[in-house]
Amino acid sequence: MGADALSDVLRAVRLSSAMFFHLDVRAPWVAEAPTSAACASAVLPGAQHVIEYHVVIDGCCWGGLIDAPSVRLEAGDIIAFPQGSAHVLSSAPGMRSIPDLSVYGQARAGRLPLMMRLGENGPADARILCGFLGCDTRPFNPLVEALPAVLHLRGSSYRENSGLAYLISAARAESERRRTGGEGVLARLGELLFVEAIRCHIEALGPEQTGWLAGLADRHVGQALNLLHGEPAADWTLDELAKAVGLSRSTLAQRFTHLIGQPPMQYLTRWRMQLAAGLLASGRDPIARVAVAVGYDSEAAFNRAFRRTVGTPPAAWRQAHISPE
């Protein structure tokens, strides 16, 4: 049986979220963010990788990577930085400031989101929600690998997507009302916003695009991915997979490799190692049971595959990544 590959990846990479700042800004203003690695321990302790995103709920501003052209952001726009790059938001393009790492600690010490006012005392130019998403990237996260450095969704591009518009409206209301349990609600809304943003991004991909997300959107490669994710421990062969999706062996191999960047069986091995890494980190099962769970008949074969793919033996990975009690 096939699975929903996107949901499977999101589940396996332990997606987490926190809504940290509610910015109320007045020109001239500028807010520069460091790389997510510089603030990860403060915003989402324990996350291997952190993605920062911003939702413009009122007004307009500019945003983009450091030393790169900014894009104009208007109410309803979402901009995210999936690779954790340093970036800047401002009232006009080309503005810079010095990142203030202390604000992340201040936010964590209080109630989230931290309400912040930037700029002069005139009427508000914009209101912006700033959040963070944490996930695992090791040993394999095909979603993060496939995302661009900047992901910008224009509000005008998803007006018909009532789900995304509703989530933004709900996040705004929850941020402003600050009701009991609001931090938890905002964290879940952040995760849902991210998933909806990915869906919109997939729908907007052109036929010339390649990568894991383009593979999901492809009729045959997407079906193959869903099958592999549905039964990762099955004894798959290229012939069986091709037959299941209605293509010849050579056509599937060529199309899968073109879109995903690696052959189907290599992808399966890497995904099995991601699943195994999660099981090892949980500390619940012996390595032999983990091996069977991800499709290996012997612990020795699993050990070889894990070391070859991940670069370290399973026991050493478990020791370094075991989850605390």
C-alpha atoms as a PDB file:
ATOM      1  CA  MET A   1       0.000   0.000   0.000  1.00  0.00           C
ATOM      2  CA  GLY A   2       1.273   3.479  -0.829  1.00  0.00           C
ATOM      3  CA  ALA A   3       1.678   6.237   1.709  1.00  0.00           C
ATOM      4  CA  ASP A   4       1.637  10.018   1.619  1.00  0.00           C
ATOM      5  CA  ALA A   5       5.371  10.606   1.172  1.00  0.00           C
ATOM      6  CA  LEU A   6       5.249  14.245   2.280  1.00  0.00           C
ATOM      7  CA  SER A   7       3.411  13.375   5.496  1.00  0.00           C
ATOM      8  CA  ASP A   8       5.779  10.468   6.052  1.00  0.00           C
ATOM      9  CA  VAL A   9       8.838  12.714   5.783  1.00  0.00           C
ATOM     10  CA  LEU A  10       7.338  15.382   8.038  1.00  0.00           C
ATOM     11  CA  ARG A  11       6.609  12.724  10.643  1.00  0.00           C
ATOM     12  CA  ALA A  12      10.021  11.092  10.439  1.00  0.00           C
ATOM     13  CA  VAL A  13      12.055  14.315  10.647  1.00  0.00           C
ATOM     14  CA  ARG A  14      10.271  15.390  13.858  1.00  0.00           C
ATOM     15  CA  LEU A  15       8.882  18.727  12.732  1.00  0.00           C
ATOM     16  CA  SER A  16       8.411  21.174  15.603  1.00  0.00           C
ATOM     17  CA  SER A  17       7.481  24.851  15.759  1.00  0.00           C
ATOM     18  CA  ALA A  18       7.435  27.986  17.881  1.00  0.00           C
ATOM     19  CA  MET A  19       5.981  31.427  17.137  1.00  0.00           C
ATOM     20  CA  PHE A  20       8.465  33.849  18.661  1.00  0.00           C
ATOM     21  CA  PHE A  21       7.810  37.441  17.658  1.00  0.00           C
ATOM     22  CA  HIS A  22       4.905  39.704  16.780  1.00  0.00           C
ATOM     23  CA  LEU A  23       6.490  42.774  15.193  1.00  0.00           C
ATOM     24  CA  ASP A  24       4.712  46.136  15.098  1.00  0.00           C
ATOM     25  CA  VAL A  25       6.896  48.294  12.842  1.00  0.00           C
ATOM     26  CA  ARG A  26       7.055  51.961  11.813  1.00  0.00           C
ATOM     27  CA  ALA A  27       9.359  53.399   9.148  1.00  0.00           C
ATOM     28  CA  PRO A  28      12.256  53.623   9.133  1.00  0.00           C
ATOM     29  CA  TRP A  29      12.991  50.225  10.637  1.00  0.00           C
ATOM     30  CA  VAL A  30      15.188  47.190  10.000  1.00  0.00           C
ATOM     31  CA  ALA A  31      15.547  43.786  11.641  1.00  0.00           C
ATOM     32  CA  GLU A  32      18.455  41.535  10.660  1.00  0.00           C
ATOM     33  CA  ALA A  33      18.436  37.866  11.595  1.00  0.00           C
ATOM     34  CA  PRO A  34      21.565  35.724  11.912  1.00  0.00           C
ATOM     35  CA  THR A  35      21.831  32.221  10.511  1.00  0.00           C
ATOM     36  CA  SER A  36      19.368  29.936  12.221  1.00  0.00           C
ATOM     37  CA  ALA A  37      22.274  27.918  13.606  1.00  0.00           C
ATOM     38  CA  ALA A  38      23.274  30.958  15.678  1.00  0.00           C
ATOM     39  CA  CYS A  39      19.932  31.103  17.484  1.00  0.00           C
ATOM     40  CA  ALA A  40      18.725  27.479  17.257  1.00  0.00           C
ATOM     41  CA  SER A  41      19.663  26.578  20.827  1.00  0.00           C
ATOM     42  CA  ALA A  42      17.557  29.485  22.120  1.00  0.00           C
ATOM     43  CA  VAL A  43      14.477  29.069  19.944  1.00  0.00           C
ATOM     44  CA  LEU A  44      14.157  25.290  19.503  1.00  0.00           C
ATOM     45  CA  PRO A  45      16.661  23.440  21.717  1.00  0.00           C
ATOM     46  CA  GLY A  46      17.510  19.999  20.395  1.00  0.00           C
ATOM     47  CA  ALA A  47      16.534  20.659  16.770  1.00  0.00           C
ATOM     48  CA  GLN A  48      19.172  19.640  14.236  1.00  0.00           C
ATOM     49  CA  HIS A  49      18.042  22.323  11.800  1.00  0.00           C
ATOM     50  CA  VAL A  50      15.897  25.451  12.153  1.00  0.00           C
ATOM     51  CA  ILE A  51      13.891  27.268   9.479  1.00  0.00           C
ATOM     52  CA  GLU A  52      12.754  30.835  10.134  1.00  0.00           C
ATOM     53  CA  TYR A  53       9.621  32.195   8.493  1.00  0.00           C
ATOM     54  CA  HIS A  54       7.662  35.455   8.551  1.00  0.00           C
ATOM     55  CA  VAL A  55       3.997  36.157   7.834  1.00  0.00           C
ATOM     56  CA  VAL A  56       2.989  39.721   6.944  1.00  0.00           C
ATOM     57  CA  ILE A  57      -0.449  40.189   8.483  1.00  0.00           C
ATOM     58  CA  ASP A  58      -0.798  43.943   7.814  1.00  0.00           C
ATOM     59  CA  GLY A  59       0.932  46.524   5.660  1.00  0.00           C
ATOM     60  CA  CYS A  60       4.048  45.900   3.615  1.00  0.00           C
ATOM     61  CA  CYS A  61       7.821  45.651   3.969  1.00  0.00           C
ATOM     62  CA  TRP A  62      10.897  44.225   2.250  1.00  0.00           C
ATOM     63  CA  GLY A  63      12.732  40.983   2.954  1.00  0.00           C
ATOM     64  CA  GLY A  64      15.496  38.767   1.619  1.00  0.00           C
ATOM     65  CA  LEU A  65      18.926  37.272   2.048  1.00  0.00           C
ATOM     66  CA  ILE A  66      21.852  39.367   3.232  1.00  0.00           C
ATOM     67  CA  ASP A  67      23.660  41.011   0.298  1.00  0.00           C
ATOM     68  CA  ALA A  68      20.965  39.898  -2.155  1.00  0.00           C
ATOM     69  CA  PRO A  69      18.056  41.795  -3.710  1.00  0.00           C
ATOM     70  CA  SER A  70      15.075  42.118  -1.386  1.00  0.00           C
ATOM     71  CA  VAL A  71      11.501  41.343  -2.405  1.00  0.00           C
ATOM     72  CA  ARG A  72       8.485  43.447  -1.532  1.00  0.00           C
ATOM     73  CA  LEU A  73       6.229  41.698   0.963  1.00  0.00           C
ATOM     74  CA  GLU A  74       2.580  42.604   1.310  1.00  0.00           C
ATOM     75  CA  ALA A  75      -0.239  41.578   3.639  1.00  0.00           C
ATOM     76  CA  GLY A  76      -0.796  37.833   3.323  1.00  0.00           C
ATOM     77  CA  ASP A  77       2.720  37.113   2.047  1.00  0.00           C
ATOM     78  CA  ILE A  78       4.857  34.407   3.630  1.00  0.00           C
ATOM     79  CA  ILE A  79       8.636  34.359   3.343  1.00  0.00           C
ATOM     80  CA  ALA A  80      10.724  31.497   4.712  1.00  0.00           C
ATOM     81  CA  PHE A  81      14.415  30.652   4.734  1.00  0.00           C
ATOM     82  CA  PRO A  82      14.565  26.834   4.569  1.00  0.00           C
ATOM     83  CA  GLN A  83      18.368  26.587   4.532  1.00  0.00           C
ATOM     84  CA  GLY A  84      18.708  28.687   7.695  1.00  0.00           C
ATOM     85  CA  SER A  85      20.335  31.633   5.929  1.00  0.00           C
ATOM     86  CA  ALA A  86      20.922  35.035   7.506  1.00  0.00           C
ATOM     87  CA  HIS A  87      18.354  37.526   6.257  1.00  0.00           C
ATOM     88  CA  VAL A  88      16.848  40.949   6.775  1.00  0.00           C
ATOM     89  CA  LEU A  89      13.394  42.545   6.981  1.00  0.00           C
ATOM     90  CA  SER A  90      13.081  46.298   6.583  1.00  0.00           C
ATOM     91  CA  SER A  91      10.916  49.252   5.629  1.00  0.00           C
ATOM     92  CA  ALA A  92      12.970  49.812   2.464  1.00  0.00           C
ATOM     93  CA  PRO A  93      15.356  47.676   0.391  1.00  0.00           C
ATOM     94  CA  GLY A  94      19.082  47.756   1.110  1.00  0.00           C
ATOM     95  CA  MET A  95      18.891  48.457   4.848  1.00  0.00           C
ATOM     96  CA  ARG A  96      21.148  46.619   7.311  1.00  0.00           C
ATOM     97  CA  SER A  97      21.542  46.296  11.076  1.00  0.00           C
ATOM     98  CA  ILE A  98      23.446  44.193  13.599  1.00  0.00           C
ATOM     99  CA  PRO A  99      21.589  41.054  14.735  1.00  0.00           C
ATOM    100  CA  ASP A 100      20.676  41.144  18.424  1.00  0.00           C
ATOM    101  CA  LEU A 101      20.976  37.592  19.721  1.00  0.00           C
ATOM    102  CA  SER A 102      19.773  38.630  23.185  1.00  0.00           C
ATOM    103  CA  VAL A 103      16.182  39.021  21.976  1.00  0.00           C
ATOM    104  CA  TYR A 104      15.849  35.264  21.494  1.00  0.00           C
ATOM    105  CA  GLY A 105      16.694  34.639  25.120  1.00  0.00           C
ATOM    106  CA  GLN A 106      14.315  37.397  26.210  1.00  0.00           C
ATOM    107  CA  ALA A 107      11.518  35.842  24.197  1.00  0.00           C
ATOM    108  CA  ARG A 108      12.147  32.367  25.591  1.00  0.00           C
ATOM    109  CA  ALA A 109      12.097  33.732  29.150  1.00  0.00           C
ATOM    110  CA  GLY A 110       8.640  35.273  28.679  1.00  0.00           C
ATOM    111  CA  ARG A 111       5.340  34.471  27.083  1.00  0.00           C
ATOM    112  CA  LEU A 112       5.382  33.824  23.358  1.00  0.00           C
ATOM    113  CA  PRO A 113       5.069  35.507  21.000  1.00  0.00           C
ATOM    114  CA  LEU A 114       7.141  38.449  22.227  1.00  0.00           C
ATOM    115  CA  MET A 115       5.457  41.694  21.184  1.00  0.00           C
ATOM    116  CA  MET A 116       8.088  44.020  19.704  1.00  0.00           C
ATOM    117  CA  ARG A 117       7.823  47.545  18.323  1.00  0.00           C
ATOM    118  CA  LEU A 118      10.468  48.773  15.895  1.00  0.00           C
ATOM    119  CA  GLY A 119      10.933  52.188  14.305  1.00  0.00           C
ATOM    120  CA  GLU A 120       9.545  55.670  14.878  1.00  0.00           C
ATOM    121  CA  ASN A 121       6.366  56.675  16.729  1.00  0.00           C
ATOM    122  CA  GLY A 122       4.153  57.142  13.668  1.00  0.00           C
ATOM    123  CA  PRO A 123       1.347  54.850  12.531  1.00  0.00           C
ATOM    124  CA  ALA A 124       2.238  51.195  11.995  1.00  0.00           C
ATOM    125  CA  ASP A 125       3.601  50.347   8.551  1.00  0.00           C
ATOM    126  CA  ALA A 126       3.301  46.608   9.033  1.00  0.00           C
ATOM    127  CA  ARG A 127       2.610  43.824  11.478  1.00  0.00           C
ATOM    128  CA  ILE A 128       4.609  40.627  11.071  1.00  0.00           C
ATOM    129  CA  LEU A 129       4.542  37.238  12.785  1.00  0.00           C
ATOM    130  CA  CYS A 130       7.963  35.566  13.029  1.00  0.00           C
ATOM    131  CA  GLY A 131       8.243  31.861  13.717  1.00  0.00           C
ATOM    132  CA  PHE A 132      10.679  28.977  13.686  1.00  0.00           C
ATOM    133  CA  LEU A 133      10.407  25.382  12.531  1.00  0.00           C
ATOM    134  CA  GLY A 134      12.781  22.692  13.741  1.00  0.00           C
ATOM    135  CA  CYS A 135      13.487  19.341  12.115  1.00  0.00           C
ATOM    136  CA  ASP A 136      16.075  16.617  11.722  1.00  0.00           C
ATOM    137  CA  THR A 137      18.291  16.770   8.655  1.00  0.00           C
ATOM    138  CA  ARG A 138      20.605  13.866   9.426  1.00  0.00           C
ATOM    139  CA  PRO A 139      21.098  11.416   7.993  1.00  0.00           C
ATOM    140  CA  PHE A 140      18.540  12.248   5.263  1.00  0.00           C
ATOM    141  CA  ASN A 141      15.820  14.875   4.875  1.00  0.00           C
ATOM    142  CA  PRO A 142      14.740  15.018   1.226  1.00  0.00           C
ATOM    143  CA  LEU A 143      12.308  17.865   1.890  1.00  0.00           C
ATOM    144  CA  VAL A 144      14.834  20.371   3.242  1.00  0.00           C
ATOM    145  CA  GLU A 145      17.332  19.335   0.569  1.00  0.00           C
ATOM    146  CA  ALA A 146      14.726  20.188  -2.097  1.00  0.00           C
ATOM    147  CA  LEU A 147      13.688  23.603  -0.758  1.00  0.00           C
ATOM    148  CA  PRO A 148      15.234  26.835  -2.042  1.00  0.00           C
ATOM    149  CA  ALA A 149      17.196  29.315   0.085  1.00  0.00           C
ATOM    150  CA  VAL A 150      14.192  31.659  -0.021  1.00  0.00           C
ATOM    151  CA  LEU A 151      10.595  30.482  -0.240  1.00  0.00           C
ATOM    152  CA  HIS A 152       8.232  33.391  -0.961  1.00  0.00           C
ATOM    153  CA  LEU A 153       4.500  32.881  -1.282  1.00  0.00           C
ATOM    154  CA  ARG A 154       2.491  35.909  -2.339  1.00  0.00           C
ATOM    155  CA  GLY A 155      -0.879  36.253  -0.690  1.00  0.00           C
ATOM    156  CA  SER A 156      -2.399  36.967  -4.085  1.00  0.00           C
ATOM    157  CA  SER A 157      -1.220  33.565  -5.321  1.00  0.00           C
ATOM    158  CA  TYR A 158      -3.275  31.545  -2.863  1.00  0.00           C
ATOM    159  CA  ARG A 159      -6.425  33.622  -2.408  1.00  0.00           C
ATOM    160  CA  GLU A 160      -8.443  30.611  -3.474  1.00  0.00           C
ATOM    161  CA  ASN A 161      -6.652  28.457  -0.894  1.00  0.00           C
ATOM    162  CA  SER A 162      -9.023  29.150   1.969  1.00  0.00           C
ATOM    163  CA  GLY A 163      -7.040  26.775   4.201  1.00  0.00           C
ATOM    164  CA  LEU A 164      -3.886  28.869   4.127  1.00  0.00           C
ATOM    165  CA  ALA A 165      -5.789  32.136   4.473  1.00  0.00           C
ATOM    166  CA  TYR A 166      -7.668  30.685   7.444  1.00  0.00           C
ATOM    167  CA  LEU A 167      -4.451  29.576   9.159  1.00  0.00           C
ATOM    168  CA  ILE A 168      -2.927  33.045   8.791  1.00  0.00           C
ATOM    169  CA  SER A 169      -6.087  34.612  10.190  1.00  0.00           C
ATOM    170  CA  ALA A 170      -6.097  32.170  13.099  1.00  0.00           C
ATOM    171  CA  ALA A 171      -2.410  32.813  13.850  1.00  0.00           C
ATOM    172  CA  ARG A 172      -3.018  36.543  13.878  1.00  0.00           C
ATOM    173  CA  ALA A 173      -5.997  36.250  16.229  1.00  0.00           C
ATOM    174  CA  GLU A 174      -4.185  33.882  18.581  1.00  0.00           C
ATOM    175  CA  SER A 175      -1.128  36.139  18.669  1.00  0.00           C
ATOM    176  CA  GLU A 176      -3.143  39.259  19.475  1.00  0.00           C
ATOM    177  CA  ARG A 177      -5.572  37.780  22.000  1.00  0.00           C
ATOM    178  CA  ARG A 178      -2.898  35.912  23.972  1.00  0.00           C
ATOM    179  CA  ARG A 179      -5.313  33.386  25.430  1.00  0.00           C
ATOM    180  CA  THR A 180      -4.394  30.553  27.775  1.00  0.00           C
ATOM    181  CA  GLY A 181      -2.652  27.809  25.800  1.00  0.00           C
ATOM    182  CA  GLY A 182      -1.830  30.221  23.010  1.00  0.00           C
ATOM    183  CA  GLU A 183       1.814  29.172  22.692  1.00  0.00           C
ATOM    184  CA  GLY A 184       0.806  25.597  21.949  1.00  0.00           C
ATOM    185  CA  VAL A 185      -1.874  26.656  19.479  1.00  0.00           C
ATOM    186  CA  LEU A 186       0.553  28.945  17.663  1.00  0.00           C
ATOM    187  CA  ALA A 187       3.155  26.169  17.488  1.00  0.00           C
ATOM    188  CA  ARG A 188       0.659  23.825  15.809  1.00  0.00           C
ATOM    189  CA  LEU A 189      -0.523  26.605  13.498  1.00  0.00           C
ATOM    190  CA  GLY A 190       3.103  27.211  12.500  1.00  0.00           C
ATOM    191  CA  GLU A 191       3.495  23.578  11.477  1.00  0.00           C
ATOM    192  CA  LEU A 192       0.252  23.667   9.507  1.00  0.00           C
ATOM    193  CA  LEU A 193       1.265  26.914   7.797  1.00  0.00           C
ATOM    194  CA  PHE A 194       4.508  25.282   6.717  1.00  0.00           C
ATOM    195  CA  VAL A 195       2.742  22.246   5.264  1.00  0.00           C
ATOM    196  CA  GLU A 196       0.247  24.435   3.398  1.00  0.00           C
ATOM    197  CA  ALA A 197       3.084  26.618   2.099  1.00  0.00           C
ATOM    198  CA  ILE A 198       4.873  23.506   0.788  1.00  0.00           C
ATOM    199  CA  ARG A 199       1.668  22.390  -0.929  1.00  0.00           C
ATOM    200  CA  CYS A 200       1.315  25.769  -2.628  1.00  0.00           C
ATOM    201  CA  HIS A 201       4.973  25.642  -3.653  1.00  0.00           C
ATOM    202  CA  ILE A 202       4.504  22.185  -5.195  1.00  0.00           C
ATOM    203  CA  GLU A 203       1.433  23.343  -7.128  1.00  0.00           C
ATOM    204  CA  ALA A 204       3.385  26.291  -8.532  1.00  0.00           C
ATOM    205  CA  LEU A 205       6.337  24.218  -9.777  1.00  0.00           C
ATOM    206  CA  GLY A 206       6.836  24.318 -13.528  1.00  0.00           C
ATOM    207  CA  PRO A 207       7.332  21.211 -15.692  1.00  0.00           C
ATOM    208  CA  GLU A 208      11.033  22.037 -16.045  1.00  0.00           C
ATOM    209  CA  GLN A 209      11.648  21.866 -12.271  1.00  0.00           C
ATOM    210  CA  THR A 210      13.553  19.000 -10.683  1.00  0.00           C
ATOM    211  CA  GLY A 211      14.026  17.875  -7.093  1.00  0.00           C
ATOM    212  CA  TRP A 212      12.118  15.857  -4.525  1.00  0.00           C
ATOM    213  CA  LEU A 213       9.084  18.153  -4.553  1.00  0.00           C
ATOM    214  CA  ALA A 214       8.918  18.037  -8.333  1.00  0.00           C
ATOM    215  CA  GLY A 215       9.090  14.256  -8.021  1.00  0.00           C
ATOM    216  CA  LEU A 216       6.074  14.282  -5.705  1.00  0.00           C
ATOM    217  CA  ALA A 217       4.142  16.278  -8.290  1.00  0.00           C
ATOM    218  CA  ASP A 218       5.019  13.843 -11.100  1.00  0.00           C
ATOM    219  CA  ARG A 219       2.377  11.186 -11.704  1.00  0.00           C
ATOM    220  CA  HIS A 220       4.687   8.171 -11.880  1.00  0.00           C
ATOM    221  CA  VAL A 221       7.604   9.257  -9.711  1.00  0.00           C
ATOM    222  CA  GLY A 222       5.199  10.533  -7.065  1.00  0.00           C
ATOM    223  CA  GLN A 223       3.464   7.164  -7.027  1.00  0.00           C
ATOM    224  CA  ALA A 224       6.819   5.407  -6.713  1.00  0.00           C
ATOM    225  CA  LEU A 225       7.785   7.619  -3.773  1.00  0.00           C
ATOM    226  CA  ASN A 226       4.478   6.913  -2.058  1.00  0.00           C
ATOM    227  CA  LEU A 227       4.969   3.180  -2.527  1.00  0.00           C
ATOM    228  CA  LEU A 228       8.510   3.233  -1.118  1.00  0.00           C
ATOM    229  CA  HIS A 229       7.394   5.302   1.852  1.00  0.00           C
ATOM    230  CA  GLY A 230       4.368   3.080   2.382  1.00  0.00           C
ATOM    231  CA  GLU A 231       6.454  -0.085   2.694  1.00  0.00           C
ATOM    232  CA  PRO A 232      10.086   0.889   3.242  1.00  0.00           C
ATOM    233  CA  ALA A 233      10.969  -2.526   4.682  1.00  0.00           C
ATOM    234  CA  ALA A 234       9.579  -4.429   1.700  1.00  0.00           C
ATOM    235  CA  ASP A 235      11.985  -6.305  -0.547  1.00  0.00           C
ATOM    236  CA  TRP A 236      11.655  -3.825  -3.396  1.00  0.00           C
ATOM    237  CA  THR A 237      13.346  -4.268  -6.746  1.00  0.00           C
ATOM    238  CA  LEU A 238      13.389  -1.790  -9.588  1.00  0.00           C
ATOM    239  CA  ASP A 239      11.367  -4.228 -11.711  1.00  0.00           C
ATOM    240  CA  GLU A 240       8.621  -4.527  -9.075  1.00  0.00           C
ATOM    241  CA  LEU A 241       8.470  -0.784  -8.507  1.00  0.00           C
ATOM    242  CA  ALA A 242       8.295  -0.042 -12.226  1.00  0.00           C
ATOM    243  CA  LYS A 243       5.510  -2.576 -12.710  1.00  0.00           C
ATOM    244  CA  ALA A 244       3.562  -1.056  -9.811  1.00  0.00           C
ATOM    245  CA  VAL A 245       3.636   2.442 -11.349  1.00  0.00           C
ATOM    246  CA  GLY A 246       3.044   1.318 -14.918  1.00  0.00           C
ATOM    247  CA  LEU A 247       6.411   2.154 -16.472  1.00  0.00           C
ATOM    248  CA  SER A 248       9.270   0.156 -17.912  1.00  0.00           C
ATOM    249  CA  ARG A 249      12.270  -0.440 -15.684  1.00  0.00           C
ATOM    250  CA  SER A 250      14.527   1.848 -17.696  1.00  0.00           C
ATOM    251  CA  THR A 251      11.951   4.648 -18.020  1.00  0.00           C
ATOM    252  CA  LEU A 252      11.260   4.738 -14.281  1.00  0.00           C
ATOM    253  CA  ALA A 253      14.967   4.677 -13.433  1.00  0.00           C
ATOM    254  CA  GLN A 254      15.677   7.511 -15.857  1.00  0.00           C
ATOM    255  CA  ARG A 255      12.732   9.686 -14.797  1.00  0.00           C
ATOM    256  CA  PHE A 256      13.213   9.068 -11.069  1.00  0.00           C
ATOM    257  CA  THR A 257      16.911   9.895 -11.267  1.00  0.00           C
ATOM    258  CA  HIS A 258      16.268  13.003 -13.364  1.00  0.00           C
ATOM    259  CA  LEU A 259      13.766  14.407 -10.868  1.00  0.00           C
ATOM    260  CA  ILE A 260      15.052  13.123  -7.521  1.00  0.00           C
ATOM    261  CA  GLY A 261      18.766  13.179  -8.293  1.00  0.00           C
ATOM    262  CA  GLN A 262      19.412   9.547  -7.408  1.00  0.00           C
ATOM    263  CA  PRO A 263      18.120   6.110  -8.493  1.00  0.00           C
ATOM    264  CA  PRO A 264      15.075   4.606  -6.729  1.00  0.00           C
ATOM    265  CA  MET A 265      16.963   1.940  -4.796  1.00  0.00           C
ATOM    266  CA  GLN A 266      19.573   4.414  -3.589  1.00  0.00           C
ATOM    267  CA  TYR A 267      16.791   6.705  -2.418  1.00  0.00           C
ATOM    268  CA  LEU A 268      15.165   3.798  -0.599  1.00  0.00           C
ATOM    269  CA  THR A 269      18.410   2.972   1.194  1.00  0.00           C
ATOM    270  CA  ARG A 270      18.864   6.566   2.346  1.00  0.00           C
ATOM    271  CA  TRP A 271      15.267   6.752   3.555  1.00  0.00           C
ATOM    272  CA  ARG A 272      15.645   3.468   5.434  1.00  0.00           C
ATOM    273  CA  MET A 273      18.670   4.947   7.200  1.00  0.00           C
ATOM    274  CA  GLN A 274      16.632   8.007   8.223  1.00  0.00           C
ATOM    275  CA  LEU A 275      13.986   5.746   9.725  1.00  0.00           C
ATOM    276  CA  ALA A 276      16.646   3.642  11.404  1.00  0.00           C
ATOM    277  CA  ALA A 277      18.306   6.735  12.865  1.00  0.00           C
ATOM    278  CA  GLY A 278      15.031   7.698  14.540  1.00  0.00           C
ATOM    279  CA  LEU A 279      14.546   4.235  15.963  1.00  0.00           C
ATOM    280  CA  LEU A 280      18.130   4.144  17.229  1.00  0.00           C
ATOM    281  CA  ALA A 281      17.775   7.539  18.885  1.00  0.00           C
ATOM    282  CA  SER A 282      14.644   6.394  20.716  1.00  0.00           C
ATOM    283  CA  GLY A 283      16.762   3.772  22.477  1.00  0.00           C
ATOM    284  CA  ARG A 284      13.869   1.334  22.789  1.00  0.00           C
ATOM    285  CA  ASP A 285      14.814  -1.467  20.406  1.00  0.00           C
ATOM    286  CA  PRO A 286      18.004  -3.483  20.014  1.00  0.00           C
ATOM    287  CA  ILE A 287      19.899  -2.909  16.799  1.00  0.00           C
ATOM    288  CA  ALA A 288      18.838  -6.294  15.404  1.00  0.00           C
ATOM    289  CA  ARG A 289      15.175  -5.304  15.708  1.00  0.00           C
ATOM    290  CA  VAL A 290      15.845  -1.930  14.097  1.00  0.00           C
ATOM    291  CA  ALA A 291      17.513  -3.755  11.206  1.00  0.00           C
ATOM    292  CA  VAL A 292      14.424  -5.896  10.590  1.00  0.00           C
ATOM    293  CA  ALA A 293      12.121  -2.873  10.896  1.00  0.00           C
ATOM    294  CA  VAL A 294      13.845  -1.132   7.991  1.00  0.00           C
ATOM    295  CA  GLY A 295      14.155  -4.156   5.713  1.00  0.00           C
ATOM    296  CA  TYR A 296      17.387  -5.996   6.587  1.00  0.00           C
ATOM    297  CA  ASP A 297      17.472  -9.716   7.285  1.00  0.00           C
ATOM    298  CA  SER A 298      20.689  -9.547   9.300  1.00  0.00           C
ATOM    299  CA  GLU A 299      22.187  -7.119  11.764  1.00  0.00           C
ATOM    300  CA  ALA A 300      25.531  -7.379   9.972  1.00  0.00           C
ATOM    301  CA  ALA A 301      24.032  -6.301   6.622  1.00  0.00           C
ATOM    302  CA  PHE A 302      22.260  -3.403   8.311  1.00  0.00           C
ATOM    303  CA  ASN A 303      25.445  -2.326  10.090  1.00  0.00           C
ATOM    304  CA  ARG A 304      27.315  -2.229   6.793  1.00  0.00           C
ATOM    305  CA  ALA A 305      24.578  -0.273   5.025  1.00  0.00           C
ATOM    306  CA  PHE A 306      24.192   2.219   7.874  1.00  0.00           C
ATOM    307  CA  ARG A 307      27.916   2.848   8.146  1.00  0.00           C
ATOM    308  CA  ARG A 308      28.298   3.179   4.380  1.00  0.00           C
ATOM    309  CA  THR A 309      25.383   5.630   4.095  1.00  0.00           C
ATOM    310  CA  VAL A 310      25.649   7.608   7.332  1.00  0.00           C
ATOM    311  CA  GLY A 311      29.380   7.394   7.974  1.00  0.00           C
ATOM    312  CA  THR A 312      29.173   5.933  11.459  1.00  0.00           C
ATOM    313  CA  PRO A 313      28.092   2.559  12.907  1.00  0.00           C
ATOM    314  CA  PRO A 314      24.547   2.260  14.317  1.00  0.00           C
ATOM    315  CA  ALA A 315      25.782   1.832  17.885  1.00  0.00           C
ATOM    316  CA  ALA A 316      27.851   5.003  17.677  1.00  0.00           C
ATOM    317  CA  TRP A 317      24.907   6.915  16.179  1.00  0.00           C
ATOM    318  CA  ARG A 318      22.659   5.743  19.010  1.00  0.00           C
ATOM    319  CA  GLN A 319      25.206   6.780  21.619  1.00  0.00           C
ATOM    320  CA  ALA A 320      25.531  10.272  20.120  1.00  0.00           C
ATOM    321  CA  HIS A 321      21.840  10.902  19.439  1.00  0.00           C
ATOM    322  CA  ILE A 322      19.851   8.924  22.008  1.00  0.00           C
ATOM    323  CA  SER A 323      16.869  10.889  23.228  1.00  0.00           C
ATOM    324  CA  PRO A 324      16.829  11.876  26.899  1.00  0.00           C
ATOM    325  CA  GLU A 325      14.438  10.097  29.205  1.00  0.00           C
END
